[in-house]
Amino acid sequence: MNRRQQSNTDRDQLPVSRKGSVNISEQIPLDDQLDGGVSGLAVYADPDRELAYFYLPLAVVPQQQSDGKPMVNLFAFDDGGYFHFNAQWRSSDEQLVALRGHLAAILELEQPDLLQLAFAPVSHVQLKLFLSQDESEPVLLGSSSSTGAPPYSSLFNLKLDKPQFERVKQMLTGKTGLISIQLESSWAELLEVRGQLQGGLSMQRVSDIDLADKAALRAFLLDKIDAGELSLQIEADLAPDSHEYKLLIENVINQAIDVLQTMRLDADPGQRVFTLSVEYLNRMPLQRPVSIVTDLADWFVSPEN
């Protein structure tokens, strides 16, 4: 069985599709963009709409006051304190303006407003707050599930002991490596997949099988693939041991079964070999994991703050 994957290695040039859309998803997969993206946003083209793009922010940000400063509350008590804040997964207006300009420049688009930008479809957004320790594993201070639609927001109201309180105080001064927030989610992708099965089959051998018996036809085809008499090729960005990859193979096999069940064995009495050739093309929905870690000290070292 042959499995082929298509990939692009020249990441300096973003491809333009025939529709005029920049398919950044093909050139730079989303999970590879999580180191920087475009103006802090990962971006990929909507395969179904012209000049439409999905984006994901690459950092968690705080709810802000009217002056742009983080809205964070730390209350001290004798035995520690309380840490209260609202973490958000959202884009800023400035980021979207920069992204729109970036795409318009690549497309040589005179009217950037024609571009349609939307938050990527994601699900199961959860945020976890960790406190680092000198030699030990980070301690989970708390977790919170986010609201169900963008901008995603999670409220944290944590009780801290004295050592934890002191580390949060240090973090508020901009000291890095103390407190981090990890976002976990998944984004929906429609993956274009292709499977092809072809080769010659003995008409006599096929005629010995009950064509109404799908299980027998399936076993027959798998035997011919294993024997090398039929060539099965899969083109998809999927792991061979994944459920989706196995499902794609099943779809190709089922399509071949449909062809065999509709063939006429008596169409040409002199024909000894039947050439089987099926091609399966589809878009397969996938959930890709997203994990983004933000040091909370970054909220307090920005020039805006």
C-alpha atoms as a PDB file:
ATOM      1  CA  MET A   1       0.000   0.000   0.000  1.00  0.00           C
ATOM      2  CA  ASN A   2       1.394   3.331  -0.977  1.00  0.00           C
ATOM      3  CA  ARG A   3       0.717   6.518   0.940  1.00  0.00           C
ATOM      4  CA  ARG A   4       1.729   9.826  -0.523  1.00  0.00           C
ATOM      5  CA  GLN A   5       1.687  13.181   1.152  1.00  0.00           C
ATOM      6  CA  GLN A   6       1.950  16.489  -0.619  1.00  0.00           C
ATOM      7  CA  SER A   7       3.862  19.278   1.089  1.00  0.00           C
ATOM      8  CA  ASN A   8       5.472  22.577   0.230  1.00  0.00           C
ATOM      9  CA  THR A   9       8.946  23.415   1.465  1.00  0.00           C
ATOM     10  CA  ASP A  10       9.435  26.960   0.176  1.00  0.00           C
ATOM     11  CA  ARG A  11       7.724  28.942   2.908  1.00  0.00           C
ATOM     12  CA  ASP A  12       8.863  32.330   1.652  1.00  0.00           C
ATOM     13  CA  GLN A  13       6.306  32.302  -1.164  1.00  0.00           C
ATOM     14  CA  LEU A  14       2.641  31.969  -0.297  1.00  0.00           C
ATOM     15  CA  PRO A  15       0.652  30.238  -3.053  1.00  0.00           C
ATOM     16  CA  VAL A  16      -2.300  31.951  -4.680  1.00  0.00           C
ATOM     17  CA  SER A  17      -5.165  29.695  -5.735  1.00  0.00           C
ATOM     18  CA  ARG A  18      -7.074  30.038  -8.977  1.00  0.00           C
ATOM     19  CA  LYS A  19      -9.788  31.863  -7.061  1.00  0.00           C
ATOM     20  CA  GLY A  20      -7.293  34.489  -5.961  1.00  0.00           C
ATOM     21  CA  SER A  21      -7.082  33.291  -2.360  1.00  0.00           C
ATOM     22  CA  VAL A  22      -3.824  32.818  -0.503  1.00  0.00           C
ATOM     23  CA  ASN A  23      -3.878  29.242   0.714  1.00  0.00           C
ATOM     24  CA  ILE A  24      -1.617  29.702   3.708  1.00  0.00           C
ATOM     25  CA  SER A  25      -2.962  26.461   5.150  1.00  0.00           C
ATOM     26  CA  GLU A  26      -1.265  24.448   2.380  1.00  0.00           C
ATOM     27  CA  GLN A  27       1.984  26.392   2.595  1.00  0.00           C
ATOM     28  CA  ILE A  28       2.318  26.719   6.359  1.00  0.00           C
ATOM     29  CA  PRO A  29       0.139  24.324   8.368  1.00  0.00           C
ATOM     30  CA  LEU A  30      -1.677  25.996  11.236  1.00  0.00           C
ATOM     31  CA  ASP A  31       0.215  24.128  13.929  1.00  0.00           C
ATOM     32  CA  ASP A  32       3.489  25.362  12.399  1.00  0.00           C
ATOM     33  CA  GLN A  33       2.264  28.956  12.598  1.00  0.00           C
ATOM     34  CA  LEU A  34       1.951  28.853  16.373  1.00  0.00           C
ATOM     35  CA  ASP A  35       5.447  30.322  16.701  1.00  0.00           C
ATOM     36  CA  GLY A  36       4.457  33.695  15.280  1.00  0.00           C
ATOM     37  CA  GLY A  37       1.916  33.740  12.502  1.00  0.00           C
ATOM     38  CA  VAL A  38       0.965  37.083  10.948  1.00  0.00           C
ATOM     39  CA  SER A  39       0.777  39.902  13.511  1.00  0.00           C
ATOM     40  CA  GLY A  40       0.181  37.325  16.233  1.00  0.00           C
ATOM     41  CA  LEU A  41      -2.544  35.521  14.292  1.00  0.00           C
ATOM     42  CA  ALA A  42      -2.445  32.109  12.638  1.00  0.00           C
ATOM     43  CA  VAL A  43      -4.392  32.260   9.375  1.00  0.00           C
ATOM     44  CA  TYR A  44      -5.668  29.903   6.702  1.00  0.00           C
ATOM     45  CA  ALA A  45      -7.971  30.214   3.697  1.00  0.00           C
ATOM     46  CA  ASP A  46     -11.616  29.236   3.761  1.00  0.00           C
ATOM     47  CA  PRO A  47     -11.773  26.520   1.066  1.00  0.00           C
ATOM     48  CA  ASP A  48     -15.393  27.308   0.215  1.00  0.00           C
ATOM     49  CA  ARG A  49     -15.393  31.090  -0.101  1.00  0.00           C
ATOM     50  CA  GLU A  50     -13.339  33.426  -2.245  1.00  0.00           C
ATOM     51  CA  LEU A  51     -11.233  36.032  -0.415  1.00  0.00           C
ATOM     52  CA  ALA A  52     -12.276  34.577   2.959  1.00  0.00           C
ATOM     53  CA  TYR A  53      -9.875  33.596   5.752  1.00  0.00           C
ATOM     54  CA  PHE A  54      -9.994  32.109   9.207  1.00  0.00           C
ATOM     55  CA  TYR A  55      -7.613  33.231  11.955  1.00  0.00           C
ATOM     56  CA  LEU A  56      -6.629  32.202  15.482  1.00  0.00           C
ATOM     57  CA  PRO A  57      -4.912  34.465  18.031  1.00  0.00           C
ATOM     58  CA  LEU A  58      -1.604  33.013  19.219  1.00  0.00           C
ATOM     59  CA  ALA A  59      -1.770  34.351  22.769  1.00  0.00           C
ATOM     60  CA  VAL A  60      -4.200  34.660  25.654  1.00  0.00           C
ATOM     61  CA  VAL A  61      -4.760  38.261  26.734  1.00  0.00           C
ATOM     62  CA  PRO A  62      -6.385  39.886  29.790  1.00  0.00           C
ATOM     63  CA  GLN A  63      -9.573  41.847  29.947  1.00  0.00           C
ATOM     64  CA  GLN A  64      -8.464  45.461  29.752  1.00  0.00           C
ATOM     65  CA  GLN A  65      -9.407  48.715  31.367  1.00  0.00           C
ATOM     66  CA  SER A  66     -10.350  51.744  29.273  1.00  0.00           C
ATOM     67  CA  ASP A  67      -6.680  52.819  29.247  1.00  0.00           C
ATOM     68  CA  GLY A  68      -5.573  49.426  27.883  1.00  0.00           C
ATOM     69  CA  LYS A  69      -4.041  48.166  31.122  1.00  0.00           C
ATOM     70  CA  PRO A  70      -4.809  44.609  32.331  1.00  0.00           C
ATOM     71  CA  MET A  71      -7.800  44.325  34.633  1.00  0.00           C
ATOM     72  CA  VAL A  72      -6.219  42.123  37.311  1.00  0.00           C
ATOM     73  CA  ASN A  73      -6.952  42.111  41.053  1.00  0.00           C
ATOM     74  CA  LEU A  74      -4.689  40.701  43.773  1.00  0.00           C
ATOM     75  CA  PHE A  75      -6.048  40.859  47.319  1.00  0.00           C
ATOM     76  CA  ALA A  76      -3.744  40.168  50.281  1.00  0.00           C
ATOM     77  CA  PHE A  77      -4.707  38.345  53.483  1.00  0.00           C
ATOM     78  CA  ASP A  78      -2.638  37.130  56.446  1.00  0.00           C
ATOM     79  CA  ASP A  79      -2.292  33.602  55.053  1.00  0.00           C
ATOM     80  CA  GLY A  80      -2.024  34.537  51.388  1.00  0.00           C
ATOM     81  CA  GLY A  81      -4.574  36.184  49.137  1.00  0.00           C
ATOM     82  CA  TYR A  82      -6.933  36.018  46.173  1.00  0.00           C
ATOM     83  CA  PHE A  83      -6.025  36.399  42.506  1.00  0.00           C
ATOM     84  CA  HIS A  84      -8.858  37.523  40.255  1.00  0.00           C
ATOM     85  CA  PHE A  85      -8.778  38.159  36.486  1.00  0.00           C
ATOM     86  CA  ASN A  86     -10.576  37.466  33.227  1.00  0.00           C
ATOM     87  CA  ALA A  87      -8.491  35.770  30.509  1.00  0.00           C
ATOM     88  CA  GLN A  88      -9.580  36.203  26.897  1.00  0.00           C
ATOM     89  CA  TRP A  89      -8.770  34.538  23.593  1.00  0.00           C
ATOM     90  CA  ARG A  90      -9.444  37.270  21.072  1.00  0.00           C
ATOM     91  CA  SER A  91      -7.880  39.448  18.422  1.00  0.00           C
ATOM     92  CA  SER A  92      -7.403  43.183  18.622  1.00  0.00           C
ATOM     93  CA  ASP A  93      -8.569  45.644  15.999  1.00  0.00           C
ATOM     94  CA  GLU A  94      -4.909  46.434  15.292  1.00  0.00           C
ATOM     95  CA  GLN A  95      -4.121  42.774  14.600  1.00  0.00           C
ATOM     96  CA  LEU A  96      -6.981  42.434  12.140  1.00  0.00           C
ATOM     97  CA  VAL A  97      -5.997  45.626  10.325  1.00  0.00           C
ATOM     98  CA  ALA A  98      -2.418  44.327  10.007  1.00  0.00           C
ATOM     99  CA  LEU A  99      -3.611  40.909   8.823  1.00  0.00           C
ATOM    100  CA  ARG A 100      -5.944  42.447   6.267  1.00  0.00           C
ATOM    101  CA  GLY A 101      -3.137  44.621   4.938  1.00  0.00           C
ATOM    102  CA  HIS A 102      -0.739  41.665   4.791  1.00  0.00           C
ATOM    103  CA  LEU A 103      -3.153  39.543   2.759  1.00  0.00           C
ATOM    104  CA  ALA A 104      -4.145  42.431   0.505  1.00  0.00           C
ATOM    105  CA  ALA A 105      -0.485  43.100  -0.297  1.00  0.00           C
ATOM    106  CA  ILE A 106       0.125  39.468  -1.260  1.00  0.00           C
ATOM    107  CA  LEU A 107      -2.997  39.393  -3.408  1.00  0.00           C
ATOM    108  CA  GLU A 108      -2.294  42.849  -4.860  1.00  0.00           C
ATOM    109  CA  LEU A 109      -5.820  43.688  -3.827  1.00  0.00           C
ATOM    110  CA  GLU A 110      -6.722  47.369  -4.164  1.00  0.00           C
ATOM    111  CA  GLN A 111      -9.725  47.058  -1.861  1.00  0.00           C
ATOM    112  CA  PRO A 112      -8.675  45.243   1.345  1.00  0.00           C
ATOM    113  CA  ASP A 113     -12.230  45.536   2.681  1.00  0.00           C
ATOM    114  CA  LEU A 114     -13.238  42.819   0.226  1.00  0.00           C
ATOM    115  CA  LEU A 115     -11.395  40.334   2.438  1.00  0.00           C
ATOM    116  CA  GLN A 116     -13.618  38.433   4.854  1.00  0.00           C
ATOM    117  CA  LEU A 117     -11.920  37.564   8.149  1.00  0.00           C
ATOM    118  CA  ALA A 118     -13.488  35.321  10.776  1.00  0.00           C
ATOM    119  CA  PHE A 119     -12.382  33.550  13.951  1.00  0.00           C
ATOM    120  CA  ALA A 120     -11.643  29.931  13.069  1.00  0.00           C
ATOM    121  CA  PRO A 121     -14.252  27.361  14.125  1.00  0.00           C
ATOM    122  CA  VAL A 122     -12.995  25.862  17.376  1.00  0.00           C
ATOM    123  CA  SER A 123     -14.466  23.778  20.175  1.00  0.00           C
ATOM    124  CA  HIS A 124     -13.810  22.744  23.784  1.00  0.00           C
ATOM    125  CA  VAL A 125     -11.809  25.825  24.795  1.00  0.00           C
ATOM    126  CA  GLN A 126     -10.210  25.358  28.214  1.00  0.00           C
ATOM    127  CA  LEU A 127      -7.617  27.440  30.046  1.00  0.00           C
ATOM    128  CA  LYS A 128      -5.299  26.231  32.801  1.00  0.00           C
ATOM    129  CA  LEU A 129      -3.181  28.418  35.074  1.00  0.00           C
ATOM    130  CA  PHE A 130       0.191  27.054  36.186  1.00  0.00           C
ATOM    131  CA  LEU A 131       2.658  28.211  38.843  1.00  0.00           C
ATOM    132  CA  SER A 132       6.272  27.290  38.147  1.00  0.00           C
ATOM    133  CA  GLN A 133       8.544  25.953  40.878  1.00  0.00           C
ATOM    134  CA  ASP A 134      12.326  25.961  41.021  1.00  0.00           C
ATOM    135  CA  GLU A 135      13.039  22.255  40.686  1.00  0.00           C
ATOM    136  CA  SER A 136       9.578  20.675  40.623  1.00  0.00           C
ATOM    137  CA  GLU A 137       6.849  20.307  38.073  1.00  0.00           C
ATOM    138  CA  PRO A 138       4.564  23.338  37.622  1.00  0.00           C
ATOM    139  CA  VAL A 139       1.550  23.404  39.948  1.00  0.00           C
ATOM    140  CA  LEU A 140      -1.932  23.721  38.496  1.00  0.00           C
ATOM    141  CA  LEU A 141      -3.549  26.665  40.272  1.00  0.00           C
ATOM    142  CA  GLY A 142      -6.874  26.421  38.518  1.00  0.00           C
ATOM    143  CA  SER A 143      -8.723  25.836  35.267  1.00  0.00           C
ATOM    144  CA  SER A 144     -11.721  27.345  33.570  1.00  0.00           C
ATOM    145  CA  SER A 145     -13.779  26.525  30.497  1.00  0.00           C
ATOM    146  CA  SER A 146     -14.390  29.396  28.133  1.00  0.00           C
ATOM    147  CA  THR A 147     -17.631  30.789  26.816  1.00  0.00           C
ATOM    148  CA  GLY A 148     -19.009  29.174  23.685  1.00  0.00           C
ATOM    149  CA  ALA A 149     -18.395  31.863  21.064  1.00  0.00           C
ATOM    150  CA  PRO A 150     -15.601  34.311  20.228  1.00  0.00           C
ATOM    151  CA  PRO A 151     -14.226  36.308  21.855  1.00  0.00           C
ATOM    152  CA  TYR A 152     -13.630  33.458  24.300  1.00  0.00           C
ATOM    153  CA  SER A 153     -13.447  34.465  27.947  1.00  0.00           C
ATOM    154  CA  SER A 154     -12.606  32.613  31.175  1.00  0.00           C
ATOM    155  CA  LEU A 155     -12.883  33.982  34.702  1.00  0.00           C
ATOM    156  CA  PHE A 156     -10.319  32.993  37.347  1.00  0.00           C
ATOM    157  CA  ASN A 157     -10.862  33.617  41.068  1.00  0.00           C
ATOM    158  CA  LEU A 158      -8.087  31.784  42.916  1.00  0.00           C
ATOM    159  CA  LYS A 159      -7.188  31.481  46.568  1.00  0.00           C
ATOM    160  CA  LEU A 160      -3.392  31.550  47.052  1.00  0.00           C
ATOM    161  CA  ASP A 161      -1.201  30.510  49.947  1.00  0.00           C
ATOM    162  CA  LYS A 162       1.610  32.817  51.060  1.00  0.00           C
ATOM    163  CA  PRO A 163       4.380  31.490  48.729  1.00  0.00           C
ATOM    164  CA  GLN A 164       1.997  31.473  45.762  1.00  0.00           C
ATOM    165  CA  PHE A 165       0.876  35.008  46.572  1.00  0.00           C
ATOM    166  CA  GLU A 166       4.485  36.231  46.599  1.00  0.00           C
ATOM    167  CA  ARG A 167       5.211  34.692  43.206  1.00  0.00           C
ATOM    168  CA  VAL A 168       2.136  36.309  41.701  1.00  0.00           C
ATOM    169  CA  LYS A 169       3.313  39.652  43.107  1.00  0.00           C
ATOM    170  CA  GLN A 170       6.670  39.149  41.379  1.00  0.00           C
ATOM    171  CA  MET A 171       4.910  38.284  38.128  1.00  0.00           C
ATOM    172  CA  LEU A 172       2.931  41.541  38.287  1.00  0.00           C
ATOM    173  CA  THR A 173       6.229  43.429  38.104  1.00  0.00           C
ATOM    174  CA  GLY A 174       6.989  41.755  34.764  1.00  0.00           C
ATOM    175  CA  LYS A 175       9.181  38.897  35.990  1.00  0.00           C
ATOM    176  CA  THR A 176       8.814  36.046  33.526  1.00  0.00           C
ATOM    177  CA  GLY A 177       8.752  32.286  34.069  1.00  0.00           C
ATOM    178  CA  LEU A 178       6.533  32.331  37.154  1.00  0.00           C
ATOM    179  CA  ILE A 179       2.903  32.110  36.046  1.00  0.00           C
ATOM    180  CA  SER A 180       1.667  30.788  32.710  1.00  0.00           C
ATOM    181  CA  ILE A 181      -1.718  30.134  31.219  1.00  0.00           C
ATOM    182  CA  GLN A 182      -2.247  27.259  28.799  1.00  0.00           C
ATOM    183  CA  LEU A 183      -5.119  27.236  26.329  1.00  0.00           C
ATOM    184  CA  GLU A 184      -6.277  23.913  24.934  1.00  0.00           C
ATOM    185  CA  SER A 185      -8.776  23.629  22.131  1.00  0.00           C
ATOM    186  CA  SER A 186      -9.314  22.100  18.712  1.00  0.00           C
ATOM    187  CA  TRP A 187     -10.008  23.691  15.357  1.00  0.00           C
ATOM    188  CA  ALA A 188     -12.147  22.217  12.624  1.00  0.00           C
ATOM    189  CA  GLU A 189     -10.547  21.556   9.250  1.00  0.00           C
ATOM    190  CA  LEU A 190     -11.986  20.169   6.036  1.00  0.00           C
ATOM    191  CA  LEU A 191      -9.146  18.075   4.676  1.00  0.00           C
ATOM    192  CA  GLU A 192      -9.109  17.200   0.983  1.00  0.00           C
ATOM    193  CA  VAL A 193      -8.430  13.470   0.627  1.00  0.00           C
ATOM    194  CA  ARG A 194      -7.992  11.165  -2.332  1.00  0.00           C
ATOM    195  CA  GLY A 195      -7.888   7.400  -2.639  1.00  0.00           C
ATOM    196  CA  GLN A 196      -7.350   5.327  -5.760  1.00  0.00           C
ATOM    197  CA  LEU A 197      -7.624   1.574  -6.319  1.00  0.00           C
ATOM    198  CA  GLN A 198      -6.738   0.046  -9.651  1.00  0.00           C
ATOM    199  CA  GLY A 199      -5.508  -3.155 -11.266  1.00  0.00           C
ATOM    200  CA  GLY A 200      -6.547  -6.203 -13.245  1.00  0.00           C
ATOM    201  CA  LEU A 201      -8.870  -8.879 -11.878  1.00  0.00           C
ATOM    202  CA  SER A 202      -9.595 -12.327 -13.262  1.00  0.00           C
ATOM    203  CA  MET A 203     -13.156 -12.473 -14.533  1.00  0.00           C
ATOM    204  CA  GLN A 204     -13.300 -16.161 -13.558  1.00  0.00           C
ATOM    205  CA  ARG A 205     -12.243 -15.375  -9.995  1.00  0.00           C
ATOM    206  CA  VAL A 206     -14.780 -12.570  -9.701  1.00  0.00           C
ATOM    207  CA  SER A 207     -17.562 -14.771 -11.078  1.00  0.00           C
ATOM    208  CA  ASP A 208     -16.898 -17.289  -8.291  1.00  0.00           C
ATOM    209  CA  ILE A 209     -17.950 -14.719  -5.695  1.00  0.00           C
ATOM    210  CA  ASP A 210     -21.506 -13.927  -4.730  1.00  0.00           C
ATOM    211  CA  LEU A 211     -21.634 -10.264  -5.799  1.00  0.00           C
ATOM    212  CA  ALA A 212     -24.401  -9.609  -3.286  1.00  0.00           C
ATOM    213  CA  ASP A 213     -22.059 -10.586  -0.448  1.00  0.00           C
ATOM    214  CA  LYS A 214     -20.245  -7.361   0.501  1.00  0.00           C
ATOM    215  CA  ALA A 215     -18.132  -9.082   3.147  1.00  0.00           C
ATOM    216  CA  ALA A 216     -16.831 -11.589   0.600  1.00  0.00           C
ATOM    217  CA  LEU A 217     -16.080  -8.834  -1.917  1.00  0.00           C
ATOM    218  CA  ARG A 218     -14.268  -6.820   0.734  1.00  0.00           C
ATOM    219  CA  ALA A 219     -12.114  -9.792   1.726  1.00  0.00           C
ATOM    220  CA  PHE A 220     -11.397 -10.500  -1.955  1.00  0.00           C
ATOM    221  CA  LEU A 221     -10.249  -6.931  -2.608  1.00  0.00           C
ATOM    222  CA  LEU A 222      -8.064  -6.832   0.492  1.00  0.00           C
ATOM    223  CA  ASP A 223      -6.408 -10.103  -0.532  1.00  0.00           C
ATOM    224  CA  LYS A 224      -5.659  -8.675  -3.979  1.00  0.00           C
ATOM    225  CA  ILE A 225      -4.189  -5.516  -2.422  1.00  0.00           C
ATOM    226  CA  ASP A 226      -1.975  -7.568  -0.105  1.00  0.00           C
ATOM    227  CA  ALA A 227      -0.876  -9.717  -3.056  1.00  0.00           C
ATOM    228  CA  GLY A 228       0.034  -6.635  -5.063  1.00  0.00           C
ATOM    229  CA  GLU A 229      -2.471  -7.363  -7.817  1.00  0.00           C
ATOM    230  CA  LEU A 230      -4.365  -4.187  -6.954  1.00  0.00           C
ATOM    231  CA  SER A 231      -2.634  -0.874  -6.205  1.00  0.00           C
ATOM    232  CA  LEU A 232      -4.108   1.236  -3.416  1.00  0.00           C
ATOM    233  CA  GLN A 233      -2.858   4.820  -3.182  1.00  0.00           C
ATOM    234  CA  ILE A 234      -3.897   7.283  -0.503  1.00  0.00           C
ATOM    235  CA  GLU A 235      -3.185  11.002  -0.680  1.00  0.00           C
ATOM    236  CA  ALA A 236      -4.043  12.693   2.592  1.00  0.00           C
ATOM    237  CA  ASP A 237      -2.270  14.512   5.380  1.00  0.00           C
ATOM    238  CA  LEU A 238      -3.159  11.804   7.875  1.00  0.00           C
ATOM    239  CA  ALA A 239      -1.225   9.400  10.066  1.00  0.00           C
ATOM    240  CA  PRO A 240      -1.485   5.809   8.760  1.00  0.00           C
ATOM    241  CA  ASP A 241      -2.631   4.572  12.157  1.00  0.00           C
ATOM    242  CA  SER A 242      -5.320   7.242  12.563  1.00  0.00           C
ATOM    243  CA  HIS A 243      -9.026   6.476  12.530  1.00  0.00           C
ATOM    244  CA  GLU A 244      -9.519   8.940   9.669  1.00  0.00           C
ATOM    245  CA  TYR A 245      -6.896   7.226   7.505  1.00  0.00           C
ATOM    246  CA  LYS A 246      -8.505   3.825   8.037  1.00  0.00           C
ATOM    247  CA  LEU A 247     -11.920   5.317   7.304  1.00  0.00           C
ATOM    248  CA  LEU A 248     -10.598   6.718   4.016  1.00  0.00           C
ATOM    249  CA  ILE A 249      -9.383   3.250   2.992  1.00  0.00           C
ATOM    250  CA  GLU A 250     -12.780   1.794   3.844  1.00  0.00           C
ATOM    251  CA  ASN A 251     -14.479   4.395   1.642  1.00  0.00           C
ATOM    252  CA  VAL A 252     -12.228   3.450  -1.289  1.00  0.00           C
ATOM    253  CA  ILE A 253     -12.936  -0.251  -0.743  1.00  0.00           C
ATOM    254  CA  ASN A 254     -16.682   0.380  -0.514  1.00  0.00           C
ATOM    255  CA  GLN A 255     -16.616   2.310  -3.776  1.00  0.00           C
ATOM    256  CA  ALA A 256     -14.793  -0.589  -5.433  1.00  0.00           C
ATOM    257  CA  ILE A 257     -17.417  -2.990  -4.053  1.00  0.00           C
ATOM    258  CA  ASP A 258     -20.155  -0.847  -5.608  1.00  0.00           C
ATOM    259  CA  VAL A 259     -18.381  -1.100  -8.978  1.00  0.00           C
ATOM    260  CA  LEU A 260     -18.090  -4.902  -8.746  1.00  0.00           C
ATOM    261  CA  GLN A 261     -21.727  -5.286  -7.751  1.00  0.00           C
ATOM    262  CA  THR A 262     -22.889  -3.375 -10.826  1.00  0.00           C
ATOM    263  CA  MET A 263     -20.622  -5.092 -13.356  1.00  0.00           C
ATOM    264  CA  ARG A 264     -22.021  -7.541 -15.916  1.00  0.00           C
ATOM    265  CA  LEU A 265     -20.042 -10.745 -15.971  1.00  0.00           C
ATOM    266  CA  ASP A 266     -21.653 -11.829 -19.210  1.00  0.00           C
ATOM    267  CA  ALA A 267     -21.074  -8.584 -21.095  1.00  0.00           C
ATOM    268  CA  ASP A 268     -18.150 -10.031 -23.064  1.00  0.00           C
ATOM    269  CA  PRO A 269     -17.728 -13.820 -22.880  1.00  0.00           C
ATOM    270  CA  GLY A 270     -14.209 -13.547 -24.268  1.00  0.00           C
ATOM    271  CA  GLN A 271     -13.026 -11.107 -21.649  1.00  0.00           C
ATOM    272  CA  ARG A 272     -10.707 -12.800 -19.138  1.00  0.00           C
ATOM    273  CA  VAL A 273      -9.438  -9.792 -17.202  1.00  0.00           C
ATOM    274  CA  PHE A 274     -11.486  -6.971 -15.747  1.00  0.00           C
ATOM    275  CA  THR A 275      -9.653  -3.690 -15.164  1.00  0.00           C
ATOM    276  CA  LEU A 276     -10.788  -2.148 -11.900  1.00  0.00           C
ATOM    277  CA  SER A 277     -10.180   1.580 -11.468  1.00  0.00           C
ATOM    278  CA  VAL A 278     -11.913   3.644  -8.783  1.00  0.00           C
ATOM    279  CA  GLU A 279     -11.089   7.053  -7.387  1.00  0.00           C
ATOM    280  CA  TYR A 280     -12.489   8.489  -4.174  1.00  0.00           C
ATOM    281  CA  LEU A 281     -12.376  12.260  -3.658  1.00  0.00           C
ATOM    282  CA  ASN A 282     -13.829  14.015  -0.654  1.00  0.00           C
ATOM    283  CA  ARG A 283     -13.343  16.533   2.122  1.00  0.00           C
ATOM    284  CA  MET A 284     -12.988  14.950   5.520  1.00  0.00           C
ATOM    285  CA  PRO A 285     -13.823  16.929   8.695  1.00  0.00           C
ATOM    286  CA  LEU A 286     -10.998  16.795  11.223  1.00  0.00           C
ATOM    287  CA  GLN A 287     -10.412  18.234  14.662  1.00  0.00           C
ATOM    288  CA  ARG A 288      -6.852  19.516  15.029  1.00  0.00           C
ATOM    289  CA  PRO A 289      -5.544  20.118  18.572  1.00  0.00           C
ATOM    290  CA  VAL A 290      -4.440  23.615  19.539  1.00  0.00           C
ATOM    291  CA  SER A 291      -2.254  24.356  22.560  1.00  0.00           C
ATOM    292  CA  ILE A 292      -1.095  27.911  23.281  1.00  0.00           C
ATOM    293  CA  VAL A 293       0.967  28.904  26.318  1.00  0.00           C
ATOM    294  CA  THR A 294       1.207  32.530  27.446  1.00  0.00           C
ATOM    295  CA  ASP A 295       3.429  33.853  30.224  1.00  0.00           C
ATOM    296  CA  LEU A 296       1.231  36.182  32.284  1.00  0.00           C
ATOM    297  CA  ALA A 297       4.202  38.505  32.759  1.00  0.00           C
ATOM    298  CA  ASP A 298       3.805  39.393  29.071  1.00  0.00           C
ATOM    299  CA  TRP A 299       0.629  41.208  30.042  1.00  0.00           C
ATOM    300  CA  PHE A 300       2.671  43.678  32.074  1.00  0.00           C
ATOM    301  CA  VAL A 301       5.791  44.237  29.961  1.00  0.00           C
ATOM    302  CA  SER A 302       4.047  45.528  26.825  1.00  0.00           C
ATOM    303  CA  PRO A 303       4.814  49.168  26.044  1.00  0.00           C
ATOM    304  CA  GLU A 304       1.056  49.783  26.010  1.00  0.00           C
ATOM    305  CA  ASN A 305       0.887  48.783  29.664  1.00  0.00           C
END
